[in-house]
Amino acid sequence: MNNQKSSKSSRANIETIEETEINYMNEI
């Protein structure tokens, strides 16, 4: 369960990073 929560958190972090990268790309 902790691994799944961590995995979800990691996925959320990855999604946030991807959104941030998309925002950076839009700004670029």
mmCIF file of all heavy atoms, coordinates in Angstrom:
data_MODEL
# 
_entry.id   MODEL 
# 
loop_
_atom_site.group_PDB 
_atom_site.id 
_atom_site.type_symbol 
_atom_site.label_atom_id 
_atom_site.label_alt_id 
_atom_site.label_comp_id 
_atom_site.label_asym_id 
_atom_site.label_entity_id 
_atom_site.label_seq_id 
_atom_site.pdbx_PDB_ins_code 
_atom_site.Cartn_x 
_atom_site.Cartn_y 
_atom_site.Cartn_z 
_atom_site.occupancy 
_atom_site.B_iso_or_equiv 
_atom_site.pdbx_formal_charge 
_atom_site.auth_seq_id 
_atom_site.auth_comp_id 
_atom_site.auth_asym_id 
_atom_site.auth_atom_id 
_atom_site.pdbx_PDB_model_num 
ATOM 1   N N   . MET A 1 1  ? 0.838  -1.212 0.000   1.00 0.00 ? 1  MET A N   1 
ATOM 2   C CA  . MET A 1 1  ? 0.000  0.000  0.000   1.00 0.00 ? 1  MET A CA  1 
ATOM 3   C C   . MET A 1 1  ? 0.870  1.259  0.000   1.00 0.00 ? 1  MET A C   1 
ATOM 4   O O   . MET A 1 1  ? 0.580  2.215  -0.713  1.00 0.00 ? 1  MET A O   1 
ATOM 5   C CB  . MET A 1 1  ? -0.935 0.000  1.213   1.00 0.00 ? 1  MET A CB  1 
ATOM 6   C CG  . MET A 1 1  ? -1.999 -1.087 1.149   1.00 0.00 ? 1  MET A CG  1 
ATOM 7   S SD  . MET A 1 1  ? -3.021 -1.001 -0.336  1.00 0.00 ? 1  MET A SD  1 
ATOM 8   C CE  . MET A 1 1  ? -3.950 0.460  -0.012  1.00 0.00 ? 1  MET A CE  1 
ATOM 9   N N   . ASN A 1 2  ? 1.928  1.239  0.809   1.00 0.00 ? 2  ASN A N   1 
ATOM 10  C CA  . ASN A 1 2  ? 2.845  2.389  0.837   1.00 0.00 ? 2  ASN A CA  1 
ATOM 11  C C   . ASN A 1 2  ? 3.523  2.571  -0.514  1.00 0.00 ? 2  ASN A C   1 
ATOM 12  O O   . ASN A 1 2  ? 3.707  3.692  -0.988  1.00 0.00 ? 2  ASN A O   1 
ATOM 13  C CB  . ASN A 1 2  ? 3.895  2.227  1.936   1.00 0.00 ? 2  ASN A CB  1 
ATOM 14  C CG  . ASN A 1 2  ? 3.301  2.419  3.317   1.00 0.00 ? 2  ASN A CG  1 
ATOM 15  O OD1 . ASN A 1 2  ? 2.270  3.068  3.461   1.00 0.00 ? 2  ASN A OD1 1 
ATOM 16  N ND2 . ASN A 1 2  ? 3.934  1.841  4.322   1.00 0.00 ? 2  ASN A ND2 1 
ATOM 17  N N   . ASN A 1 3  ? 3.893  1.455  -1.140  1.00 0.00 ? 3  ASN A N   1 
ATOM 18  C CA  . ASN A 1 3  ? 4.503  1.536  -2.466  1.00 0.00 ? 3  ASN A CA  1 
ATOM 19  C C   . ASN A 1 3  ? 3.522  2.109  -3.472  1.00 0.00 ? 3  ASN A C   1 
ATOM 20  O O   . ASN A 1 3  ? 3.896  2.901  -4.338  1.00 0.00 ? 3  ASN A O   1 
ATOM 21  C CB  . ASN A 1 3  ? 4.988  0.160  -2.935  1.00 0.00 ? 3  ASN A CB  1 
ATOM 22  C CG  . ASN A 1 3  ? 6.247  -0.283 -2.220  1.00 0.00 ? 3  ASN A CG  1 
ATOM 23  O OD1 . ASN A 1 3  ? 6.926  0.516  -1.586  1.00 0.00 ? 3  ASN A OD1 1 
ATOM 24  N ND2 . ASN A 1 3  ? 6.549  -1.573 -2.302  1.00 0.00 ? 3  ASN A ND2 1 
ATOM 25  N N   . GLN A 1 4  ? 2.244  1.701  -3.365  1.00 0.00 ? 4  GLN A N   1 
ATOM 26  C CA  . GLN A 1 4  ? 1.234  2.213  -4.304  1.00 0.00 ? 4  GLN A CA  1 
ATOM 27  C C   . GLN A 1 4  ? 1.017  3.705  -4.082  1.00 0.00 ? 4  GLN A C   1 
ATOM 28  O O   . GLN A 1 4  ? 0.918  4.473  -5.026  1.00 0.00 ? 4  GLN A O   1 
ATOM 29  C CB  . GLN A 1 4  ? -0.081 1.448  -4.144  1.00 0.00 ? 4  GLN A CB  1 
ATOM 30  C CG  . GLN A 1 4  ? -0.039 0.057  -4.727  1.00 0.00 ? 4  GLN A CG  1 
ATOM 31  C CD  . GLN A 1 4  ? -1.345 -0.709 -4.497  1.00 0.00 ? 4  GLN A CD  1 
ATOM 32  O OE1 . GLN A 1 4  ? -2.146 -0.357 -3.650  1.00 0.00 ? 4  GLN A OE1 1 
ATOM 33  N NE2 . GLN A 1 4  ? -1.526 -1.762 -5.273  1.00 0.00 ? 4  GLN A NE2 1 
ATOM 34  N N   . LYS A 1 5  ? 0.958  4.103  -2.778  1.00 0.00 ? 5  LYS A N   1 
ATOM 35  C CA  . LYS A 1 5  ? 0.801  5.538  -2.489  1.00 0.00 ? 5  LYS A CA  1 
ATOM 36  C C   . LYS A 1 5  ? 2.002  6.308  -3.017  1.00 0.00 ? 5  LYS A C   1 
ATOM 37  O O   . LYS A 1 5  ? 1.863  7.365  -3.604  1.00 0.00 ? 5  LYS A O   1 
ATOM 38  C CB  . LYS A 1 5  ? 0.651  5.769  -0.984  1.00 0.00 ? 5  LYS A CB  1 
ATOM 39  C CG  . LYS A 1 5  ? -0.687 5.355  -0.438  1.00 0.00 ? 5  LYS A CG  1 
ATOM 40  C CD  . LYS A 1 5  ? -0.758 5.586  1.061   1.00 0.00 ? 5  LYS A CD  1 
ATOM 41  C CE  . LYS A 1 5  ? -2.063 5.068  1.626   1.00 0.00 ? 5  LYS A CE  1 
ATOM 42  N NZ  . LYS A 1 5  ? -2.096 5.174  3.087   1.00 0.00 ? 5  LYS A NZ  1 
ATOM 43  N N   . SER A 1 6  ? 3.180  5.730  -2.773  1.00 0.00 ? 6  SER A N   1 
ATOM 44  C CA  . SER A 1 6  ? 4.405  6.358  -3.258  1.00 0.00 ? 6  SER A CA  1 
ATOM 45  C C   . SER A 1 6  ? 4.406  6.408  -4.780  1.00 0.00 ? 6  SER A C   1 
ATOM 46  O O   . SER A 1 6  ? 4.810  7.396  -5.377  1.00 0.00 ? 6  SER A O   1 
ATOM 47  C CB  . SER A 1 6  ? 5.613  5.580  -2.752  1.00 0.00 ? 6  SER A CB  1 
ATOM 48  O OG  . SER A 1 6  ? 6.785  6.085  -3.316  1.00 0.00 ? 6  SER A OG  1 
ATOM 49  N N   . SER A 1 7  ? 3.920  5.327  -5.390  1.00 0.00 ? 7  SER A N   1 
ATOM 50  C CA  . SER A 1 7  ? 3.854  5.272  -6.848  1.00 0.00 ? 7  SER A CA  1 
ATOM 51  C C   . SER A 1 7  ? 2.879  6.315  -7.376  1.00 0.00 ? 7  SER A C   1 
ATOM 52  O O   . SER A 1 7  ? 3.159  7.005  -8.345  1.00 0.00 ? 7  SER A O   1 
ATOM 53  C CB  . SER A 1 7  ? 3.435  3.878  -7.293  1.00 0.00 ? 7  SER A CB  1 
ATOM 54  O OG  . SER A 1 7  ? 3.271  3.837  -8.682  1.00 0.00 ? 7  SER A OG  1 
ATOM 55  N N   . LYS A 1 8  ? 1.713  6.437  -6.678  1.00 0.00 ? 8  LYS A N   1 
ATOM 56  C CA  . LYS A 1 8  ? 0.741  7.464  -7.088  1.00 0.00 ? 8  LYS A CA  1 
ATOM 57  C C   . LYS A 1 8  ? 1.339  8.844  -6.905  1.00 0.00 ? 8  LYS A C   1 
ATOM 58  O O   . LYS A 1 8  ? 1.190  9.712  -7.752  1.00 0.00 ? 8  LYS A O   1 
ATOM 59  C CB  . LYS A 1 8  ? -0.544 7.330  -6.267  1.00 0.00 ? 8  LYS A CB  1 
ATOM 60  C CG  . LYS A 1 8  ? -1.406 6.169  -6.676  1.00 0.00 ? 8  LYS A CG  1 
ATOM 61  C CD  . LYS A 1 8  ? -2.656 6.099  -5.839  1.00 0.00 ? 8  LYS A CD  1 
ATOM 62  C CE  . LYS A 1 8  ? -3.488 4.878  -6.201  1.00 0.00 ? 8  LYS A CE  1 
ATOM 63  N NZ  . LYS A 1 8  ? -4.653 4.724  -5.331  1.00 0.00 ? 8  LYS A NZ  1 
ATOM 64  N N   . SER A 1 9  ? 2.042  9.012  -5.771  1.00 0.00 ? 9  SER A N   1 
ATOM 65  C CA  . SER A 1 9  ? 2.687  10.291 -5.521  1.00 0.00 ? 9  SER A CA  1 
ATOM 66  C C   . SER A 1 9  ? 3.750  10.560 -6.578  1.00 0.00 ? 9  SER A C   1 
ATOM 67  O O   . SER A 1 9  ? 3.875  11.669 -7.086  1.00 0.00 ? 9  SER A O   1 
ATOM 68  C CB  . SER A 1 9  ? 3.311  10.285 -4.124  1.00 0.00 ? 9  SER A CB  1 
ATOM 69  O OG  . SER A 1 9  ? 4.055  11.449 -3.917  1.00 0.00 ? 9  SER A OG  1 
ATOM 70  N N   . SER A 1 10 ? 4.502  9.506  -6.922  1.00 0.00 ? 10 SER A N   1 
ATOM 71  C CA  . SER A 1 10 ? 5.527  9.649  -7.965  1.00 0.00 ? 10 SER A CA  1 
ATOM 72  C C   . SER A 1 10 ? 4.880  9.993  -9.294  1.00 0.00 ? 10 SER A C   1 
ATOM 73  O O   . SER A 1 10 ? 5.372  10.839 -10.028 1.00 0.00 ? 10 SER A O   1 
ATOM 74  C CB  . SER A 1 10 ? 6.333  8.356  -8.107  1.00 0.00 ? 10 SER A CB  1 
ATOM 75  O OG  . SER A 1 10 ? 7.076  8.120  -6.944  1.00 0.00 ? 10 SER A OG  1 
ATOM 76  N N   . ARG A 1 11 ? 3.752  9.301  -9.609  1.00 0.00 ? 11 ARG A N   1 
ATOM 77  C CA  . ARG A 1 11 ? 3.043  9.605  -10.852 1.00 0.00 ? 11 ARG A CA  1 
ATOM 78  C C   . ARG A 1 11 ? 2.543  11.039 -10.840 1.00 0.00 ? 11 ARG A C   1 
ATOM 79  O O   . ARG A 1 11 ? 2.638  11.743 -11.842 1.00 0.00 ? 11 ARG A O   1 
ATOM 80  C CB  . ARG A 1 11 ? 1.879  8.632  -11.062 1.00 0.00 ? 11 ARG A CB  1 
ATOM 81  C CG  . ARG A 1 11 ? 2.308  7.382  -11.806 1.00 0.00 ? 11 ARG A CG  1 
ATOM 82  C CD  . ARG A 1 11 ? 1.126  6.498  -12.153 1.00 0.00 ? 11 ARG A CD  1 
ATOM 83  N NE  . ARG A 1 11 ? 1.277  5.312  -11.308 1.00 0.00 ? 11 ARG A NE  1 
ATOM 84  C CZ  . ARG A 1 11 ? 0.348  4.816  -10.505 1.00 0.00 ? 11 ARG A CZ  1 
ATOM 85  N NH1 . ARG A 1 11 ? -0.829 5.351  -10.439 1.00 0.00 ? 11 ARG A NH1 1 
ATOM 86  N NH2 . ARG A 1 11 ? 0.597  3.771  -9.765  1.00 0.00 ? 11 ARG A NH2 1 
ATOM 87  N N   . ALA A 1 12 ? 2.006  11.458 -9.665  1.00 0.00 ? 12 ALA A N   1 
ATOM 88  C CA  . ALA A 1 12 ? 1.532  12.842 -9.553  1.00 0.00 ? 12 ALA A CA  1 
ATOM 89  C C   . ALA A 1 12 ? 2.702  13.806 -9.735  1.00 0.00 ? 12 ALA A C   1 
ATOM 90  O O   . ALA A 1 12 ? 2.573  14.828 -10.415 1.00 0.00 ? 12 ALA A O   1 
ATOM 91  C CB  . ALA A 1 12 ? 0.858  13.073 -8.205  1.00 0.00 ? 12 ALA A CB  1 
ATOM 92  N N   . ASN A 1 13 ? 3.856  13.462 -9.128  1.00 0.00 ? 13 ASN A N   1 
ATOM 93  C CA  . ASN A 1 13 ? 5.045  14.311 -9.292  1.00 0.00 ? 13 ASN A CA  1 
ATOM 94  C C   . ASN A 1 13 ? 5.482  14.345 -10.748 1.00 0.00 ? 13 ASN A C   1 
ATOM 95  O O   . ASN A 1 13 ? 5.846  15.397 -11.265 1.00 0.00 ? 13 ASN A O   1 
ATOM 96  C CB  . ASN A 1 13 ? 6.193  13.806 -8.411  1.00 0.00 ? 13 ASN A CB  1 
ATOM 97  C CG  . ASN A 1 13 ? 5.967  14.098 -6.944  1.00 0.00 ? 13 ASN A CG  1 
ATOM 98  O OD1 . ASN A 1 13 ? 5.148  14.938 -6.596  1.00 0.00 ? 13 ASN A OD1 1 
ATOM 99  N ND2 . ASN A 1 13 ? 6.669  13.389 -6.090  1.00 0.00 ? 13 ASN A ND2 1 
ATOM 100 N N   . ILE A 1 14 ? 5.447  13.189 -11.396 1.00 0.00 ? 14 ILE A N   1 
ATOM 101 C CA  . ILE A 1 14 ? 5.827  13.129 -12.811 1.00 0.00 ? 14 ILE A CA  1 
ATOM 102 C C   . ILE A 1 14 ? 4.861  13.965 -13.644 1.00 0.00 ? 14 ILE A C   1 
ATOM 103 O O   . ILE A 1 14 ? 5.279  14.722 -14.521 1.00 0.00 ? 14 ILE A O   1 
ATOM 104 C CB  . ILE A 1 14 ? 5.870  11.672 -13.303 1.00 0.00 ? 14 ILE A CB  1 
ATOM 105 C CG1 . ILE A 1 14 ? 7.075  10.950 -12.681 1.00 0.00 ? 14 ILE A CG1 1 
ATOM 106 C CG2 . ILE A 1 14 ? 5.926  11.598 -14.825 1.00 0.00 ? 14 ILE A CG2 1 
ATOM 107 C CD1 . ILE A 1 14 ? 7.097  9.451  -12.901 1.00 0.00 ? 14 ILE A CD1 1 
ATOM 108 N N   . GLU A 1 15 ? 3.546  13.844 -13.334 1.00 0.00 ? 15 GLU A N   1 
ATOM 109 C CA  . GLU A 1 15 ? 2.560  14.638 -14.068 1.00 0.00 ? 15 GLU A CA  1 
ATOM 110 C C   . GLU A 1 15 ? 2.792  16.122 -13.836 1.00 0.00 ? 15 GLU A C   1 
ATOM 111 O O   . GLU A 1 15 ? 2.700  16.921 -14.763 1.00 0.00 ? 15 GLU A O   1 
ATOM 112 C CB  . GLU A 1 15 ? 1.145  14.234 -13.649 1.00 0.00 ? 15 GLU A CB  1 
ATOM 113 C CG  . GLU A 1 15 ? 0.734  12.868 -14.170 1.00 0.00 ? 15 GLU A CG  1 
ATOM 114 C CD  . GLU A 1 15 ? -0.599 12.388 -13.604 1.00 0.00 ? 15 GLU A CD  1 
ATOM 115 O OE1 . GLU A 1 15 ? -1.232 13.127 -12.818 1.00 0.00 ? 15 GLU A OE1 1 
ATOM 116 O OE2 . GLU A 1 15 ? -0.994 11.257 -13.961 1.00 0.00 ? 15 GLU A OE2 1 
ATOM 117 N N   . THR A 1 16 ? 3.111  16.474 -12.584 1.00 0.00 ? 16 THR A N   1 
ATOM 118 C CA  . THR A 1 16 ? 3.391  17.888 -12.281 1.00 0.00 ? 16 THR A CA  1 
ATOM 119 C C   . THR A 1 16 ? 4.622  18.352 -13.044 1.00 0.00 ? 16 THR A C   1 
ATOM 120 O O   . THR A 1 16 ? 4.633  19.443 -13.609 1.00 0.00 ? 16 THR A O   1 
ATOM 121 C CB  . THR A 1 16 ? 3.607  18.074 -10.759 1.00 0.00 ? 16 THR A CB  1 
ATOM 122 O OG1 . THR A 1 16 ? 2.442  17.630 -10.069 1.00 0.00 ? 16 THR A OG1 1 
ATOM 123 C CG2 . THR A 1 16 ? 3.896  19.511 -10.421 1.00 0.00 ? 16 THR A CG2 1 
ATOM 124 N N   . ILE A 1 17 ? 5.646  17.494 -13.059 1.00 0.00 ? 17 ILE A N   1 
ATOM 125 C CA  . ILE A 1 17 ? 6.864  17.835 -13.802 1.00 0.00 ? 17 ILE A CA  1 
ATOM 126 C C   . ILE A 1 17 ? 6.550  17.975 -15.283 1.00 0.00 ? 17 ILE A C   1 
ATOM 127 O O   . ILE A 1 17 ? 6.997  18.920 -15.935 1.00 0.00 ? 17 ILE A O   1 
ATOM 128 C CB  . ILE A 1 17 ? 7.963  16.773 -13.557 1.00 0.00 ? 17 ILE A CB  1 
ATOM 129 C CG1 . ILE A 1 17 ? 8.476  16.878 -12.126 1.00 0.00 ? 17 ILE A CG1 1 
ATOM 130 C CG2 . ILE A 1 17 ? 9.101  16.921 -14.555 1.00 0.00 ? 17 ILE A CG2 1 
ATOM 131 C CD1 . ILE A 1 17 ? 9.366  15.731 -11.696 1.00 0.00 ? 17 ILE A CD1 1 
ATOM 132 N N   . GLU A 1 18 ? 5.732  17.038 -15.811 1.00 0.00 ? 18 GLU A N   1 
ATOM 133 C CA  . GLU A 1 18 ? 5.378  17.115 -17.236 1.00 0.00 ? 18 GLU A CA  1 
ATOM 134 C C   . GLU A 1 18 ? 4.591  18.375 -17.524 1.00 0.00 ? 18 GLU A C   1 
ATOM 135 O O   . GLU A 1 18 ? 4.814  19.038 -18.533 1.00 0.00 ? 18 GLU A O   1 
ATOM 136 C CB  . GLU A 1 18 ? 4.589  15.872 -17.643 1.00 0.00 ? 18 GLU A CB  1 
ATOM 137 C CG  . GLU A 1 18 ? 5.441  14.614 -17.730 1.00 0.00 ? 18 GLU A CG  1 
ATOM 138 C CD  . GLU A 1 18 ? 4.614  13.347 -17.976 1.00 0.00 ? 18 GLU A CD  1 
ATOM 139 O OE1 . GLU A 1 18 ? 3.375  13.402 -17.888 1.00 0.00 ? 18 GLU A OE1 1 
ATOM 140 O OE2 . GLU A 1 18 ? 5.242  12.306 -18.247 1.00 0.00 ? 18 GLU A OE2 1 
ATOM 141 N N   . GLU A 1 19 ? 3.641  18.721 -16.615 1.00 0.00 ? 19 GLU A N   1 
ATOM 142 C CA  . GLU A 1 19 ? 2.869  19.953 -16.806 1.00 0.00 ? 19 GLU A CA  1 
ATOM 143 C C   . GLU A 1 19 ? 3.796  21.160 -16.755 1.00 0.00 ? 19 GLU A C   1 
ATOM 144 O O   . GLU A 1 19 ? 3.655  22.089 -17.547 1.00 0.00 ? 19 GLU A O   1 
ATOM 145 C CB  . GLU A 1 19 ? 1.792  20.076 -15.729 1.00 0.00 ? 19 GLU A CB  1 
ATOM 146 C CG  . GLU A 1 19 ? 0.630  19.129 -15.918 1.00 0.00 ? 19 GLU A CG  1 
ATOM 147 C CD  . GLU A 1 19 ? -0.368 19.206 -14.776 1.00 0.00 ? 19 GLU A CD  1 
ATOM 148 O OE1 . GLU A 1 19 ? -0.340 20.199 -14.013 1.00 0.00 ? 19 GLU A OE1 1 
ATOM 149 O OE2 . GLU A 1 19 ? -1.170 18.268 -14.654 1.00 0.00 ? 19 GLU A OE2 1 
ATOM 150 N N   . THR A 1 20 ? 4.740  21.135 -15.816 1.00 0.00 ? 20 THR A N   1 
ATOM 151 C CA  . THR A 1 20 ? 5.693  22.237 -15.707 1.00 0.00 ? 20 THR A CA  1 
ATOM 152 C C   . THR A 1 20 ? 6.529  22.338 -16.977 1.00 0.00 ? 20 THR A C   1 
ATOM 153 O O   . THR A 1 20 ? 6.752  23.431 -17.497 1.00 0.00 ? 20 THR A O   1 
ATOM 154 C CB  . THR A 1 20 ? 6.611  22.026 -14.481 1.00 0.00 ? 20 THR A CB  1 
ATOM 155 O OG1 . THR A 1 20 ? 5.791  21.922 -13.315 1.00 0.00 ? 20 THR A OG1 1 
ATOM 156 C CG2 . THR A 1 20 ? 7.588  23.163 -14.321 1.00 0.00 ? 20 THR A CG2 1 
ATOM 157 N N   . GLU A 1 21 ? 6.966  21.155 -17.496 1.00 0.00 ? 21 GLU A N   1 
ATOM 158 C CA  . GLU A 1 21 ? 7.740  21.159 -18.738 1.00 0.00 ? 21 GLU A CA  1 
ATOM 159 C C   . GLU A 1 21 ? 6.899  21.703 -19.885 1.00 0.00 ? 21 GLU A C   1 
ATOM 160 O O   . GLU A 1 21 ? 7.393  22.473 -20.708 1.00 0.00 ? 21 GLU A O   1 
ATOM 161 C CB  . GLU A 1 21 ? 8.227  19.753 -19.055 1.00 0.00 ? 21 GLU A CB  1 
ATOM 162 C CG  . GLU A 1 21 ? 9.351  19.284 -18.150 1.00 0.00 ? 21 GLU A CG  1 
ATOM 163 C CD  . GLU A 1 21 ? 9.753  17.828 -18.388 1.00 0.00 ? 21 GLU A CD  1 
ATOM 164 O OE1 . GLU A 1 21 ? 9.092  17.145 -19.200 1.00 0.00 ? 21 GLU A OE1 1 
ATOM 165 O OE2 . GLU A 1 21 ? 10.723 17.385 -17.759 1.00 0.00 ? 21 GLU A OE2 1 
ATOM 166 N N   . ILE A 1 22 ? 5.612  21.310 -19.927 1.00 0.00 ? 22 ILE A N   1 
ATOM 167 C CA  . ILE A 1 22 ? 4.722  21.825 -20.978 1.00 0.00 ? 22 ILE A CA  1 
ATOM 168 C C   . ILE A 1 22 ? 4.586  23.335 -20.831 1.00 0.00 ? 22 ILE A C   1 
ATOM 169 O O   . ILE A 1 22 ? 4.642  24.075 -21.822 1.00 0.00 ? 22 ILE A O   1 
ATOM 170 C CB  . ILE A 1 22 ? 3.355  21.120 -20.918 1.00 0.00 ? 22 ILE A CB  1 
ATOM 171 C CG1 . ILE A 1 22 ? 3.507  19.670 -21.390 1.00 0.00 ? 22 ILE A CG1 1 
ATOM 172 C CG2 . ILE A 1 22 ? 2.319  21.857 -21.756 1.00 0.00 ? 22 ILE A CG2 1 
ATOM 173 C CD1 . ILE A 1 22 ? 2.278  18.812 -21.172 1.00 0.00 ? 22 ILE A CD1 1 
ATOM 174 N N   . ASN A 1 23 ? 4.413  23.804 -19.573 1.00 0.00 ? 23 ASN A N   1 
ATOM 175 C CA  . ASN A 1 23 ? 4.312  25.247 -19.351 1.00 0.00 ? 23 ASN A CA  1 
ATOM 176 C C   . ASN A 1 23 ? 5.586  25.949 -19.788 1.00 0.00 ? 23 ASN A C   1 
ATOM 177 O O   . ASN A 1 23 ? 5.530  27.013 -20.402 1.00 0.00 ? 23 ASN A O   1 
ATOM 178 C CB  . ASN A 1 23 ? 4.008  25.548 -17.882 1.00 0.00 ? 23 ASN A CB  1 
ATOM 179 C CG  . ASN A 1 23 ? 2.589  25.185 -17.496 1.00 0.00 ? 23 ASN A CG  1 
ATOM 180 O OD1 . ASN A 1 23 ? 1.720  25.057 -18.352 1.00 0.00 ? 23 ASN A OD1 1 
ATOM 181 N ND2 . ASN A 1 23 ? 2.350  24.992 -16.217 1.00 0.00 ? 23 ASN A ND2 1 
ATOM 182 N N   . TYR A 1 24 ? 6.751  25.362 -19.444 1.00 0.00 ? 24 TYR A N   1 
ATOM 183 C CA  . TYR A 1 24 ? 8.008  25.947 -19.882 1.00 0.00 ? 24 TYR A CA  1 
ATOM 184 C C   . TYR A 1 24 ? 8.079  25.979 -21.403 1.00 0.00 ? 24 TYR A C   1 
ATOM 185 O O   . TYR A 1 24 ? 8.512  26.970 -21.990 1.00 0.00 ? 24 TYR A O   1 
ATOM 186 C CB  . TYR A 1 24 ? 9.210  25.188 -19.329 1.00 0.00 ? 24 TYR A CB  1 
ATOM 187 C CG  . TYR A 1 24 ? 9.492  25.434 -17.871 1.00 0.00 ? 24 TYR A CG  1 
ATOM 188 C CD1 . TYR A 1 24 ? 9.902  24.400 -17.049 1.00 0.00 ? 24 TYR A CD1 1 
ATOM 189 C CD2 . TYR A 1 24 ? 9.369  26.701 -17.314 1.00 0.00 ? 24 TYR A CD2 1 
ATOM 190 C CE1 . TYR A 1 24 ? 10.173 24.620 -15.704 1.00 0.00 ? 24 TYR A CE1 1 
ATOM 191 C CE2 . TYR A 1 24 ? 9.637  26.928 -15.982 1.00 0.00 ? 24 TYR A CE2 1 
ATOM 192 C CZ  . TYR A 1 24 ? 10.034 25.891 -15.179 1.00 0.00 ? 24 TYR A CZ  1 
ATOM 193 O OH  . TYR A 1 24 ? 10.306 26.106 -13.869 1.00 0.00 ? 24 TYR A OH  1 
ATOM 194 N N   . MET A 1 25 ? 7.650  24.880 -22.039 1.00 0.00 ? 25 MET A N   1 
ATOM 195 C CA  . MET A 1 25 ? 7.686  24.834 -23.498 1.00 0.00 ? 25 MET A CA  1 
ATOM 196 C C   . MET A 1 25 ? 6.757  25.898 -24.073 1.00 0.00 ? 25 MET A C   1 
ATOM 197 O O   . MET A 1 25 ? 7.100  26.551 -25.059 1.00 0.00 ? 25 MET A O   1 
ATOM 198 C CB  . MET A 1 25 ? 7.310  23.441 -24.009 1.00 0.00 ? 25 MET A CB  1 
ATOM 199 C CG  . MET A 1 25 ? 8.327  22.367 -23.676 1.00 0.00 ? 25 MET A CG  1 
ATOM 200 S SD  . MET A 1 25 ? 10.024 22.787 -24.166 1.00 0.00 ? 25 MET A SD  1 
ATOM 201 C CE  . MET A 1 25 ? 9.863  22.817 -25.935 1.00 0.00 ? 25 MET A CE  1 
ATOM 202 N N   . ASN A 1 26 ? 5.571  26.074 -23.463 1.00 0.00 ? 26 ASN A N   1 
ATOM 203 C CA  . ASN A 1 26 ? 4.667  27.120 -23.931 1.00 0.00 ? 26 ASN A CA  1 
ATOM 204 C C   . ASN A 1 26 ? 5.314  28.492 -23.777 1.00 0.00 ? 26 ASN A C   1 
ATOM 205 O O   . ASN A 1 26 ? 5.212  29.332 -24.672 1.00 0.00 ? 26 ASN A O   1 
ATOM 206 C CB  . ASN A 1 26 ? 3.342  27.078 -23.157 1.00 0.00 ? 26 ASN A CB  1 
ATOM 207 C CG  . ASN A 1 26 ? 2.481  25.901 -23.557 1.00 0.00 ? 26 ASN A CG  1 
ATOM 208 O OD1 . ASN A 1 26 ? 2.656  25.311 -24.618 1.00 0.00 ? 26 ASN A OD1 1 
ATOM 209 N ND2 . ASN A 1 26 ? 1.554  25.535 -22.699 1.00 0.00 ? 26 ASN A ND2 1 
ATOM 210 N N   . GLU A 1 27 ? 5.975  28.714 -22.652 1.00 0.00 ? 27 GLU A N   1 
ATOM 211 C CA  . GLU A 1 27 ? 6.652  29.987 -22.429 1.00 0.00 ? 27 GLU A CA  1 
ATOM 212 C C   . GLU A 1 27 ? 7.799  30.174 -23.429 1.00 0.00 ? 27 GLU A C   1 
ATOM 213 O O   . GLU A 1 27 ? 8.005  31.268 -23.943 1.00 0.00 ? 27 GLU A O   1 
ATOM 214 C CB  . GLU A 1 27 ? 7.175  30.088 -20.990 1.00 0.00 ? 27 GLU A CB  1 
ATOM 215 C CG  . GLU A 1 27 ? 6.084  30.148 -19.940 1.00 0.00 ? 27 GLU A CG  1 
ATOM 216 C CD  . GLU A 1 27 ? 5.137  31.319 -20.128 1.00 0.00 ? 27 GLU A CD  1 
ATOM 217 O OE1 . GLU A 1 27 ? 5.608  32.439 -20.418 1.00 0.00 ? 27 GLU A OE1 1 
ATOM 218 O OE2 . GLU A 1 27 ? 3.919  31.120 -20.001 1.00 0.00 ? 27 GLU A OE2 1 
ATOM 219 N N   . ILE A 1 28 ? 8.518  29.097 -23.698 1.00 0.00 ? 28 ILE A N   1 
ATOM 220 C CA  . ILE A 1 28 ? 9.613  29.161 -24.673 1.00 0.00 ? 28 ILE A CA  1 
ATOM 221 C C   . ILE A 1 28 ? 9.042  29.464 -26.058 1.00 0.00 ? 28 ILE A C   1 
ATOM 222 O O   . ILE A 1 28 ? 9.584  30.300 -26.789 1.00 0.00 ? 28 ILE A O   1 
ATOM 223 C CB  . ILE A 1 28 ? 10.430 27.848 -24.670 1.00 0.00 ? 28 ILE A CB  1 
ATOM 224 C CG1 . ILE A 1 28 ? 11.247 27.754 -23.377 1.00 0.00 ? 28 ILE A CG1 1 
ATOM 225 C CG2 . ILE A 1 28 ? 11.339 27.769 -25.891 1.00 0.00 ? 28 ILE A CG2 1 
ATOM 226 C CD1 . ILE A 1 28 ? 11.917 26.416 -23.161 1.00 0.00 ? 28 ILE A CD1 1 
# 
